[in-house]
Amino acid sequence: MEANTVNIHADLIARCREDDRNAQFEIYKLYNKAMYNTALRITGDENNAEDVLQDAFVSAFQNLASYREDASFGAWLKRIVINKALNQVQKAKKDLMLAEDMKAKASEFEPEQSEPNYTVEQVKKAMNELPSGFRTVLSLYLFEGYDHKEISEILGITESTSKSQYKRAKDKLKMIVTQEVNYG
């Protein structure tokens, strides 16, 4: 026997499907506190929970056509919030690992004649100053762990171009970081 889900907000949802902003705001008011608490429990951070909440509501309203009403709207929305929160946590972990990686890899950019310690912020700033091609190859190789063959396939360049871009990027990054330390 199939259980039917009765959606107590069917009229509001129907209006939301027609892009009625007042109905969207009503739905938001009905669900925002519960969804925020869900996001906060998963992310553990108020700012991240607010970002997740915002993203989840935007996504829900944009994808309302895919809501089949086989579950309550609240349950459907909660799945979106949970997925967005888990993605946020994964992103935060990846950013933390990237920062740790950058700090560990910063030693590659130290001039041989001296032993300065570069901060993650200095390396990040220097990375942002690289031309986009250099930055892309360097990031894919050093931080994402791709080899030059994979990079060549991803970017549609030759393997030798990937290698030369990497070397040039590394040299340019050393130069930028060294200048920052010496003149910054």
N, C-alpha and C. Protein backbone atom coordinates (compact mmCIF):
# COMPACT_ATOMS: atom_id res chain seq x y z
N MET A 1 0.84 -1.19 0.00
CA MET A 1 0.00 0.00 0.00
C MET A 1 0.87 1.23 0.00
N GLU A 2 0.62 2.15 -0.88
CA GLU A 2 1.42 3.35 -1.03
C GLU A 2 0.87 4.45 -0.13
N ALA A 3 1.77 5.07 0.63
CA ALA A 3 1.36 6.17 1.52
C ALA A 3 1.42 7.47 0.75
N ASN A 4 0.36 8.23 0.83
CA ASN A 4 0.34 9.54 0.18
C ASN A 4 0.81 10.59 1.16
N THR A 5 1.64 11.47 0.69
CA THR A 5 2.11 12.56 1.51
C THR A 5 1.22 13.77 1.26
N VAL A 6 0.69 14.30 2.31
CA VAL A 6 -0.15 15.49 2.19
C VAL A 6 0.73 16.68 2.51
N ASN A 7 0.83 17.56 1.56
CA ASN A 7 1.66 18.72 1.77
C ASN A 7 0.79 19.87 2.25
N ILE A 8 1.01 20.27 3.49
CA ILE A 8 0.16 21.31 4.08
C ILE A 8 0.41 22.69 3.46
N HIS A 9 1.46 22.82 2.70
CA HIS A 9 1.78 24.11 2.06
C HIS A 9 1.65 24.04 0.55
N ALA A 10 0.79 23.17 0.07
CA ALA A 10 0.66 22.95 -1.38
C ALA A 10 0.33 24.24 -2.13
N ASP A 11 -0.52 25.07 -1.55
CA ASP A 11 -0.89 26.32 -2.23
C ASP A 11 0.30 27.26 -2.35
N LEU A 12 1.11 27.36 -1.29
CA LEU A 12 2.30 28.21 -1.33
C LEU A 12 3.31 27.68 -2.34
N ILE A 13 3.47 26.37 -2.36
CA ILE A 13 4.42 25.74 -3.29
C ILE A 13 3.99 25.98 -4.74
N ALA A 14 2.69 25.86 -4.98
CA ALA A 14 2.17 26.13 -6.33
C ALA A 14 2.47 27.57 -6.74
N ARG A 15 2.30 28.50 -5.81
CA ARG A 15 2.60 29.91 -6.11
C ARG A 15 4.11 30.11 -6.31
N CYS A 16 4.92 29.39 -5.54
CA CYS A 16 6.38 29.49 -5.70
C CYS A 16 6.79 29.00 -7.08
N ARG A 17 6.12 27.97 -7.56
CA ARG A 17 6.43 27.45 -8.90
C ARG A 17 6.15 28.49 -9.98
N GLU A 18 5.31 29.45 -9.66
CA GLU A 18 4.99 30.53 -10.60
C GLU A 18 5.86 31.77 -10.33
N ASP A 19 6.93 31.57 -9.55
CA ASP A 19 7.88 32.64 -9.19
C ASP A 19 7.24 33.77 -8.39
N ASP A 20 6.27 33.45 -7.57
CA ASP A 20 5.64 34.43 -6.68
C ASP A 20 6.60 34.69 -5.51
N ARG A 21 7.20 35.87 -5.50
CA ARG A 21 8.20 36.21 -4.47
C ARG A 21 7.59 36.24 -3.07
N ASN A 22 6.34 36.66 -2.95
CA ASN A 22 5.69 36.67 -1.63
C ASN A 22 5.53 35.26 -1.10
N ALA A 23 5.17 34.33 -1.96
CA ALA A 23 5.03 32.94 -1.55
C ALA A 23 6.40 32.36 -1.16
N GLN A 24 7.43 32.71 -1.92
CA GLN A 24 8.78 32.24 -1.59
C GLN A 24 9.20 32.77 -0.21
N PHE A 25 8.87 34.02 0.06
CA PHE A 25 9.21 34.59 1.36
C PHE A 25 8.44 33.88 2.48
N GLU A 26 7.19 33.55 2.23
CA GLU A 26 6.40 32.82 3.22
C GLU A 26 7.01 31.44 3.51
N ILE A 27 7.38 30.74 2.46
CA ILE A 27 8.05 29.45 2.63
C ILE A 27 9.34 29.62 3.41
N TYR A 28 10.10 30.64 3.06
CA TYR A 28 11.35 30.92 3.76
C TYR A 28 11.08 31.13 5.25
N LYS A 29 10.08 31.96 5.59
CA LYS A 29 9.76 32.23 7.00
C LYS A 29 9.33 30.96 7.73
N LEU A 30 8.64 30.07 7.03
CA LEU A 30 8.19 28.83 7.65
C LEU A 30 9.33 27.87 7.97
N TYR A 31 10.34 27.85 7.13
CA TYR A 31 11.38 26.81 7.23
C TYR A 31 12.77 27.30 7.61
N ASN A 32 13.02 28.60 7.60
CA ASN A 32 14.41 29.05 7.75
C ASN A 32 15.06 28.66 9.07
N LYS A 33 14.35 28.74 10.18
CA LYS A 33 14.98 28.43 11.47
C LYS A 33 15.36 26.96 11.56
N ALA A 34 14.46 26.08 11.18
CA ALA A 34 14.77 24.64 11.25
C ALA A 34 15.91 24.29 10.30
N MET A 35 15.90 24.86 9.11
CA MET A 35 16.95 24.55 8.13
C MET A 35 18.29 25.15 8.55
N TYR A 36 18.25 26.33 9.15
CA TYR A 36 19.47 26.95 9.67
C TYR A 36 20.08 26.04 10.74
N ASN A 37 19.24 25.56 11.65
CA ASN A 37 19.74 24.69 12.73
C ASN A 37 20.35 23.41 12.17
N THR A 38 19.74 22.86 11.14
CA THR A 38 20.29 21.67 10.50
C THR A 38 21.67 21.98 9.91
N ALA A 39 21.75 23.10 9.18
CA ALA A 39 23.02 23.50 8.58
C ALA A 39 24.08 23.77 9.64
N LEU A 40 23.68 24.42 10.72
CA LEU A 40 24.62 24.74 11.80
C LEU A 40 25.15 23.47 12.47
N ARG A 41 24.29 22.49 12.67
CA ARG A 41 24.74 21.23 13.28
C ARG A 41 25.78 20.54 12.40
N ILE A 42 25.61 20.65 11.10
CA ILE A 42 26.54 19.96 10.20
C ILE A 42 27.83 20.76 10.00
N THR A 43 27.71 22.08 9.78
CA THR A 43 28.91 22.89 9.50
C THR A 43 29.65 23.29 10.76
N GLY A 44 28.92 23.48 11.85
CA GLY A 44 29.55 23.91 13.10
C GLY A 44 29.98 25.36 13.09
N ASP A 45 29.52 26.12 12.12
CA ASP A 45 29.93 27.52 12.00
C ASP A 45 28.73 28.35 11.55
N GLU A 46 28.46 29.43 12.28
CA GLU A 46 27.28 30.25 11.99
C GLU A 46 27.32 30.86 10.59
N ASN A 47 28.47 31.40 10.20
CA ASN A 47 28.57 32.01 8.87
C ASN A 47 28.38 30.99 7.76
N ASN A 48 29.00 29.83 7.92
CA ASN A 48 28.83 28.77 6.92
C ASN A 48 27.39 28.28 6.88
N ALA A 49 26.76 28.19 8.04
CA ALA A 49 25.36 27.76 8.10
C ALA A 49 24.47 28.76 7.37
N GLU A 50 24.74 30.04 7.54
CA GLU A 50 23.96 31.07 6.83
C GLU A 50 24.16 30.96 5.32
N ASP A 51 25.40 30.72 4.90
CA ASP A 51 25.67 30.54 3.47
C ASP A 51 24.94 29.32 2.92
N VAL A 52 24.98 28.24 3.67
CA VAL A 52 24.30 27.01 3.27
C VAL A 52 22.81 27.26 3.15
N LEU A 53 22.24 27.95 4.14
CA LEU A 53 20.81 28.24 4.13
C LEU A 53 20.43 29.03 2.88
N GLN A 54 21.19 30.06 2.60
CA GLN A 54 20.94 30.89 1.42
C GLN A 54 21.01 30.06 0.14
N ASP A 55 22.09 29.30 0.00
CA ASP A 55 22.27 28.46 -1.19
C ASP A 55 21.15 27.43 -1.33
N ALA A 56 20.74 26.86 -0.21
CA ALA A 56 19.71 25.82 -0.24
C ALA A 56 18.37 26.39 -0.70
N PHE A 57 17.99 27.55 -0.19
CA PHE A 57 16.72 28.14 -0.60
C PHE A 57 16.76 28.56 -2.07
N VAL A 58 17.86 29.14 -2.49
CA VAL A 58 17.99 29.51 -3.91
C VAL A 58 17.86 28.27 -4.78
N SER A 59 18.57 27.24 -4.41
CA SER A 59 18.54 25.99 -5.17
C SER A 59 17.13 25.38 -5.16
N ALA A 60 16.49 25.39 -4.02
CA ALA A 60 15.14 24.83 -3.91
C ALA A 60 14.17 25.57 -4.82
N PHE A 61 14.22 26.89 -4.79
CA PHE A 61 13.30 27.67 -5.62
C PHE A 61 13.61 27.51 -7.11
N GLN A 62 14.88 27.39 -7.44
CA GLN A 62 15.26 27.20 -8.84
C GLN A 62 14.89 25.82 -9.36
N ASN A 63 14.87 24.85 -8.46
CA ASN A 63 14.62 23.46 -8.86
C ASN A 63 13.28 22.93 -8.38
N LEU A 64 12.37 23.83 -8.11
CA LEU A 64 11.07 23.44 -7.58
C LEU A 64 10.31 22.52 -8.54
N ALA A 65 10.59 22.62 -9.81
CA ALA A 65 9.94 21.74 -10.79
C ALA A 65 10.29 20.27 -10.53
N SER A 66 11.44 20.01 -9.93
CA SER A 66 11.84 18.63 -9.67
C SER A 66 11.22 18.08 -8.38
N TYR A 67 10.57 18.92 -7.59
CA TYR A 67 9.90 18.46 -6.37
C TYR A 67 8.64 17.72 -6.79
N ARG A 68 8.62 16.41 -6.51
CA ARG A 68 7.52 15.55 -6.98
C ARG A 68 6.43 15.34 -5.94
N GLU A 69 6.57 15.92 -4.78
CA GLU A 69 5.59 15.82 -3.71
C GLU A 69 5.41 14.39 -3.22
N ASP A 70 6.45 13.54 -3.39
CA ASP A 70 6.40 12.20 -2.83
C ASP A 70 6.89 12.20 -1.38
N ALA A 71 7.37 13.33 -0.93
CA ALA A 71 7.74 13.56 0.46
C ALA A 71 7.28 14.97 0.80
N SER A 72 7.25 15.29 2.07
CA SER A 72 6.83 16.65 2.44
C SER A 72 7.85 17.65 1.91
N PHE A 73 7.42 18.86 1.69
CA PHE A 73 8.33 19.89 1.20
C PHE A 73 9.48 20.08 2.18
N GLY A 74 9.18 20.05 3.48
CA GLY A 74 10.21 20.22 4.50
C GLY A 74 11.28 19.14 4.41
N ALA A 75 10.87 17.90 4.17
CA ALA A 75 11.84 16.80 4.04
C ALA A 75 12.69 16.99 2.79
N TRP A 76 12.05 17.41 1.69
CA TRP A 76 12.77 17.65 0.44
C TRP A 76 13.78 18.78 0.61
N LEU A 77 13.34 19.85 1.26
CA LEU A 77 14.22 21.00 1.50
C LEU A 77 15.37 20.61 2.43
N LYS A 78 15.06 19.81 3.43
CA LYS A 78 16.10 19.39 4.38
C LYS A 78 17.18 18.58 3.66
N ARG A 79 16.80 17.75 2.70
CA ARG A 79 17.81 16.99 1.93
C ARG A 79 18.73 17.96 1.18
N ILE A 80 18.16 19.02 0.64
CA ILE A 80 18.97 20.02 -0.07
C ILE A 80 19.93 20.68 0.92
N VAL A 81 19.42 21.07 2.09
CA VAL A 81 20.25 21.73 3.11
C VAL A 81 21.38 20.80 3.54
N ILE A 82 21.05 19.56 3.79
CA ILE A 82 22.08 18.60 4.23
C ILE A 82 23.15 18.44 3.16
N ASN A 83 22.74 18.29 1.91
CA ASN A 83 23.72 18.15 0.83
C ASN A 83 24.59 19.39 0.70
N LYS A 84 23.98 20.58 0.78
CA LYS A 84 24.76 21.82 0.69
C LYS A 84 25.71 21.93 1.88
N ALA A 85 25.26 21.55 3.07
CA ALA A 85 26.11 21.64 4.26
C ALA A 85 27.28 20.66 4.16
N LEU A 86 27.00 19.46 3.69
CA LEU A 86 28.09 18.48 3.52
C LEU A 86 29.10 18.97 2.49
N ASN A 87 28.61 19.57 1.42
CA ASN A 87 29.52 20.15 0.42
C ASN A 87 30.37 21.25 1.03
N GLN A 88 29.76 22.07 1.88
CA GLN A 88 30.48 23.16 2.55
C GLN A 88 31.58 22.59 3.44
N VAL A 89 31.26 21.54 4.19
CA VAL A 89 32.25 20.91 5.07
C VAL A 89 33.39 20.33 4.25
N GLN A 90 33.04 19.65 3.15
CA GLN A 90 34.08 19.10 2.27
C GLN A 90 34.97 20.20 1.71
N LYS A 91 34.36 21.31 1.30
CA LYS A 91 35.11 22.44 0.75
C LYS A 91 36.05 23.01 1.82
N ALA A 92 35.54 23.14 3.04
CA ALA A 92 36.37 23.67 4.12
C ALA A 92 37.55 22.74 4.40
N LYS A 93 37.31 21.43 4.37
CA LYS A 93 38.40 20.47 4.58
C LYS A 93 39.41 20.58 3.45
N LYS A 94 38.92 20.70 2.21
CA LYS A 94 39.81 20.81 1.06
C LYS A 94 40.63 22.10 1.15
N ASP A 95 39.99 23.21 1.56
CA ASP A 95 40.71 24.47 1.70
C ASP A 95 41.78 24.36 2.78
N LEU A 96 41.47 23.67 3.87
CA LEU A 96 42.44 23.49 4.94
C LEU A 96 43.61 22.64 4.46
N MET A 97 43.30 21.56 3.74
CA MET A 97 44.37 20.72 3.22
C MET A 97 45.20 21.48 2.21
N LEU A 98 44.56 22.31 1.38
CA LEU A 98 45.28 23.11 0.40
C LEU A 98 46.22 24.08 1.10
N ALA A 99 45.73 24.72 2.17
CA ALA A 99 46.57 25.66 2.92
C ALA A 99 47.77 24.94 3.54
N GLU A 100 47.52 23.75 4.08
CA GLU A 100 48.62 22.98 4.66
C GLU A 100 49.59 22.54 3.56
N ASP A 101 49.04 22.13 2.42
CA ASP A 101 49.87 21.74 1.28
C ASP A 101 50.72 22.92 0.81
N MET A 102 50.09 24.09 0.72
CA MET A 102 50.82 25.27 0.26
C MET A 102 51.97 25.59 1.21
N LYS A 103 51.71 25.46 2.50
CA LYS A 103 52.75 25.74 3.48
C LYS A 103 53.88 24.72 3.34
N ALA A 104 53.52 23.45 3.18
CA ALA A 104 54.53 22.41 3.03
C ALA A 104 55.32 22.59 1.74
N LYS A 105 54.64 22.98 0.67
CA LYS A 105 55.29 23.13 -0.63
C LYS A 105 56.04 24.45 -0.74
N ALA A 106 55.80 25.37 0.19
CA ALA A 106 56.48 26.67 0.12
C ALA A 106 57.99 26.49 0.18
N SER A 107 58.44 25.42 0.81
CA SER A 107 59.88 25.18 0.90
C SER A 107 60.51 25.00 -0.48
N GLU A 108 59.70 24.58 -1.47
CA GLU A 108 60.21 24.44 -2.84
C GLU A 108 60.61 25.79 -3.42
N PHE A 109 60.07 26.85 -2.88
CA PHE A 109 60.27 28.17 -3.45
C PHE A 109 61.29 29.01 -2.68
N GLU A 110 61.95 28.40 -1.74
CA GLU A 110 62.95 29.14 -0.97
C GLU A 110 64.24 29.25 -1.78
N PRO A 111 64.80 30.44 -1.82
CA PRO A 111 66.09 30.57 -2.49
C PRO A 111 67.15 29.73 -1.76
N GLU A 112 68.08 29.19 -2.54
CA GLU A 112 69.06 28.28 -1.96
C GLU A 112 70.03 28.97 -1.01
N GLN A 113 70.30 30.26 -1.22
CA GLN A 113 71.28 30.94 -0.40
C GLN A 113 70.76 31.35 0.98
N SER A 114 69.46 31.36 1.18
CA SER A 114 68.91 31.74 2.48
C SER A 114 67.75 30.83 2.83
N GLU A 115 67.27 30.96 4.05
CA GLU A 115 66.21 30.07 4.53
C GLU A 115 65.01 30.86 5.06
N PRO A 116 64.40 31.75 4.26
CA PRO A 116 63.25 32.48 4.78
C PRO A 116 62.04 31.55 4.91
N ASN A 117 61.15 31.89 5.81
CA ASN A 117 59.91 31.15 5.95
C ASN A 117 58.80 31.96 5.32
N TYR A 118 58.15 31.39 4.32
CA TYR A 118 57.06 32.07 3.65
C TYR A 118 55.76 31.67 4.31
N THR A 119 54.88 32.62 4.45
CA THR A 119 53.57 32.31 5.00
C THR A 119 52.66 31.82 3.88
N VAL A 120 51.60 31.15 4.27
CA VAL A 120 50.60 30.69 3.31
C VAL A 120 50.03 31.89 2.57
N GLU A 121 49.81 32.99 3.30
CA GLU A 121 49.25 34.19 2.68
C GLU A 121 50.18 34.76 1.61
N GLN A 122 51.50 34.73 1.86
CA GLN A 122 52.45 35.21 0.87
C GLN A 122 52.42 34.36 -0.40
N VAL A 123 52.36 33.05 -0.21
CA VAL A 123 52.33 32.15 -1.37
C VAL A 123 51.01 32.32 -2.12
N LYS A 124 49.90 32.43 -1.39
CA LYS A 124 48.59 32.63 -2.04
C LYS A 124 48.59 33.93 -2.84
N LYS A 125 49.13 34.98 -2.23
CA LYS A 125 49.16 36.28 -2.92
C LYS A 125 50.01 36.18 -4.18
N ALA A 126 51.14 35.53 -4.05
CA ALA A 126 52.02 35.35 -5.22
C ALA A 126 51.33 34.50 -6.29
N MET A 127 50.62 33.47 -5.88
CA MET A 127 49.88 32.63 -6.84
C MET A 127 48.88 33.48 -7.63
N ASN A 128 48.22 34.40 -6.94
CA ASN A 128 47.23 35.25 -7.60
C ASN A 128 47.87 36.22 -8.59
N GLU A 129 49.15 36.49 -8.43
CA GLU A 129 49.85 37.39 -9.34
C GLU A 129 50.36 36.68 -10.59
N LEU A 130 50.34 35.36 -10.58
CA LEU A 130 50.79 34.60 -11.75
C LEU A 130 49.79 34.74 -12.90
N PRO A 131 50.28 34.71 -14.13
CA PRO A 131 49.34 34.64 -15.27
C PRO A 131 48.47 33.40 -15.12
N SER A 132 47.25 33.46 -15.62
CA SER A 132 46.29 32.38 -15.38
C SER A 132 46.78 31.02 -15.88
N GLY A 133 47.46 30.97 -17.01
CA GLY A 133 47.98 29.70 -17.51
C GLY A 133 48.99 29.08 -16.56
N PHE A 134 49.91 29.90 -16.08
CA PHE A 134 50.90 29.42 -15.11
C PHE A 134 50.20 28.93 -13.85
N ARG A 135 49.28 29.76 -13.34
CA ARG A 135 48.58 29.44 -12.09
C ARG A 135 47.81 28.12 -12.22
N THR A 136 47.16 27.92 -13.36
CA THR A 136 46.37 26.71 -13.56
C THR A 136 47.24 25.47 -13.56
N VAL A 137 48.31 25.48 -14.33
CA VAL A 137 49.19 24.31 -14.40
C VAL A 137 49.84 24.06 -13.05
N LEU A 138 50.33 25.10 -12.40
CA LEU A 138 50.98 24.95 -11.10
C LEU A 138 50.00 24.37 -10.08
N SER A 139 48.79 24.88 -10.05
CA SER A 139 47.77 24.39 -9.10
C SER A 139 47.42 22.94 -9.38
N LEU A 140 47.21 22.62 -10.64
CA LEU A 140 46.85 21.24 -10.98
C LEU A 140 47.97 20.27 -10.61
N TYR A 141 49.20 20.67 -10.84
CA TYR A 141 50.33 19.78 -10.57
C TYR A 141 50.64 19.68 -9.07
N LEU A 142 50.85 20.83 -8.44
CA LEU A 142 51.28 20.83 -7.04
C LEU A 142 50.16 20.51 -6.06
N PHE A 143 49.02 21.13 -6.25
CA PHE A 143 47.99 21.05 -5.22
C PHE A 143 46.91 20.01 -5.49
N GLU A 144 46.64 19.76 -6.75
CA GLU A 144 45.60 18.78 -7.08
C GLU A 144 46.20 17.41 -7.36
N GLY A 145 47.51 17.34 -7.57
CA GLY A 145 48.19 16.05 -7.72
C GLY A 145 48.12 15.42 -9.10
N TYR A 146 47.75 16.19 -10.11
CA TYR A 146 47.73 15.65 -11.47
C TYR A 146 49.15 15.59 -12.02
N ASP A 147 49.42 14.60 -12.88
CA ASP A 147 50.71 14.57 -13.56
C ASP A 147 50.57 15.35 -14.87
N HIS A 148 51.69 15.54 -15.55
CA HIS A 148 51.68 16.39 -16.75
C HIS A 148 50.85 15.78 -17.88
N LYS A 149 50.79 14.48 -17.95
CA LYS A 149 49.95 13.85 -18.97
C LYS A 149 48.48 14.18 -18.73
N GLU A 150 48.05 14.06 -17.47
CA GLU A 150 46.66 14.36 -17.13
C GLU A 150 46.35 15.85 -17.35
N ILE A 151 47.30 16.70 -16.98
CA ILE A 151 47.11 18.14 -17.17
C ILE A 151 46.96 18.46 -18.65
N SER A 152 47.79 17.81 -19.48
CA SER A 152 47.71 18.07 -20.92
C SER A 152 46.34 17.68 -21.46
N GLU A 153 45.78 16.58 -20.96
CA GLU A 153 44.45 16.15 -21.39
C GLU A 153 43.37 17.10 -20.90
N ILE A 154 43.48 17.54 -19.66
CA ILE A 154 42.48 18.43 -19.08
C ILE A 154 42.45 19.77 -19.81
N LEU A 155 43.64 20.31 -20.06
CA LEU A 155 43.74 21.66 -20.64
C LEU A 155 43.83 21.66 -22.17
N GLY A 156 43.96 20.49 -22.76
CA GLY A 156 44.07 20.43 -24.21
C GLY A 156 45.37 21.00 -24.73
N ILE A 157 46.46 20.75 -23.99
CA ILE A 157 47.79 21.21 -24.40
C ILE A 157 48.69 19.98 -24.47
N THR A 158 49.90 20.16 -24.98
CA THR A 158 50.82 19.03 -25.03
C THR A 158 51.43 18.81 -23.65
N GLU A 159 51.95 17.62 -23.44
CA GLU A 159 52.59 17.30 -22.17
C GLU A 159 53.83 18.19 -21.97
N SER A 160 54.58 18.44 -23.05
CA SER A 160 55.78 19.29 -22.92
C SER A 160 55.39 20.73 -22.59
N THR A 161 54.25 21.19 -23.11
CA THR A 161 53.78 22.54 -22.76
C THR A 161 53.43 22.60 -21.28
N SER A 162 52.80 21.55 -20.78
CA SER A 162 52.47 21.49 -19.35
C SER A 162 53.73 21.56 -18.50
N LYS A 163 54.76 20.81 -18.89
CA LYS A 163 56.01 20.80 -18.14
C LYS A 163 56.69 22.16 -18.17
N SER A 164 56.72 22.79 -19.34
CA SER A 164 57.38 24.09 -19.43
C SER A 164 56.58 25.17 -18.69
N GLN A 165 55.26 25.10 -18.77
CA GLN A 165 54.42 26.05 -18.03
C GLN A 165 54.64 25.89 -16.53
N TYR A 166 54.77 24.64 -16.08
CA TYR A 166 55.01 24.38 -14.67
C TYR A 166 56.34 24.97 -14.23
N LYS A 167 57.39 24.72 -15.01
CA LYS A 167 58.71 25.24 -14.65
C LYS A 167 58.70 26.76 -14.62
N ARG A 168 58.12 27.37 -15.65
CA ARG A 168 58.05 28.83 -15.70
C ARG A 168 57.21 29.38 -14.54
N ALA A 169 56.12 28.70 -14.23
CA ALA A 169 55.26 29.14 -13.12
C ALA A 169 56.02 29.06 -11.80
N LYS A 170 56.74 27.98 -11.61
CA LYS A 170 57.50 27.79 -10.38
C LYS A 170 58.57 28.88 -10.26
N ASP A 171 59.29 29.15 -11.34
CA ASP A 171 60.32 30.19 -11.32
C ASP A 171 59.71 31.56 -11.04
N LYS A 172 58.60 31.85 -11.71
CA LYS A 172 57.93 33.16 -11.53
C LYS A 172 57.42 33.29 -10.10
N LEU A 173 56.87 32.21 -9.55
CA LEU A 173 56.37 32.24 -8.18
C LEU A 173 57.50 32.48 -7.20
N LYS A 174 58.65 31.82 -7.41
CA LYS A 174 59.82 32.05 -6.56
C LYS A 174 60.21 33.52 -6.59
N MET A 175 60.23 34.08 -7.80
CA MET A 175 60.62 35.47 -7.96
C MET A 175 59.65 36.40 -7.20
N ILE A 176 58.36 36.16 -7.37
CA ILE A 176 57.35 37.02 -6.72
C ILE A 176 57.45 36.92 -5.20
N VAL A 177 57.55 35.69 -4.69
CA VAL A 177 57.61 35.50 -3.24
C VAL A 177 58.89 36.11 -2.67
N THR A 178 60.00 35.93 -3.37
CA THR A 178 61.28 36.49 -2.91
C THR A 178 61.22 38.01 -2.88
N GLN A 179 60.65 38.61 -3.92
CA GLN A 179 60.50 40.06 -3.93
C GLN A 179 59.62 40.53 -2.81
N GLU A 180 58.55 39.81 -2.53
CA GLU A 180 57.64 40.16 -1.45
C GLU A 180 58.37 40.15 -0.12
N VAL A 181 59.19 39.11 0.10
CA VAL A 181 59.92 39.00 1.37
C VAL A 181 61.00 40.07 1.45
N ASN A 182 61.72 40.31 0.36
CA ASN A 182 62.82 41.26 0.40
C ASN A 182 62.38 42.72 0.39
N TYR A 183 61.27 43.00 -0.31
CA TYR A 183 60.84 44.40 -0.46
C TYR A 183 59.50 44.68 0.17
N GLY A 184 58.77 43.64 0.60
CA GLY A 184 57.41 43.78 1.09
C GLY A 184 57.31 44.42 2.39
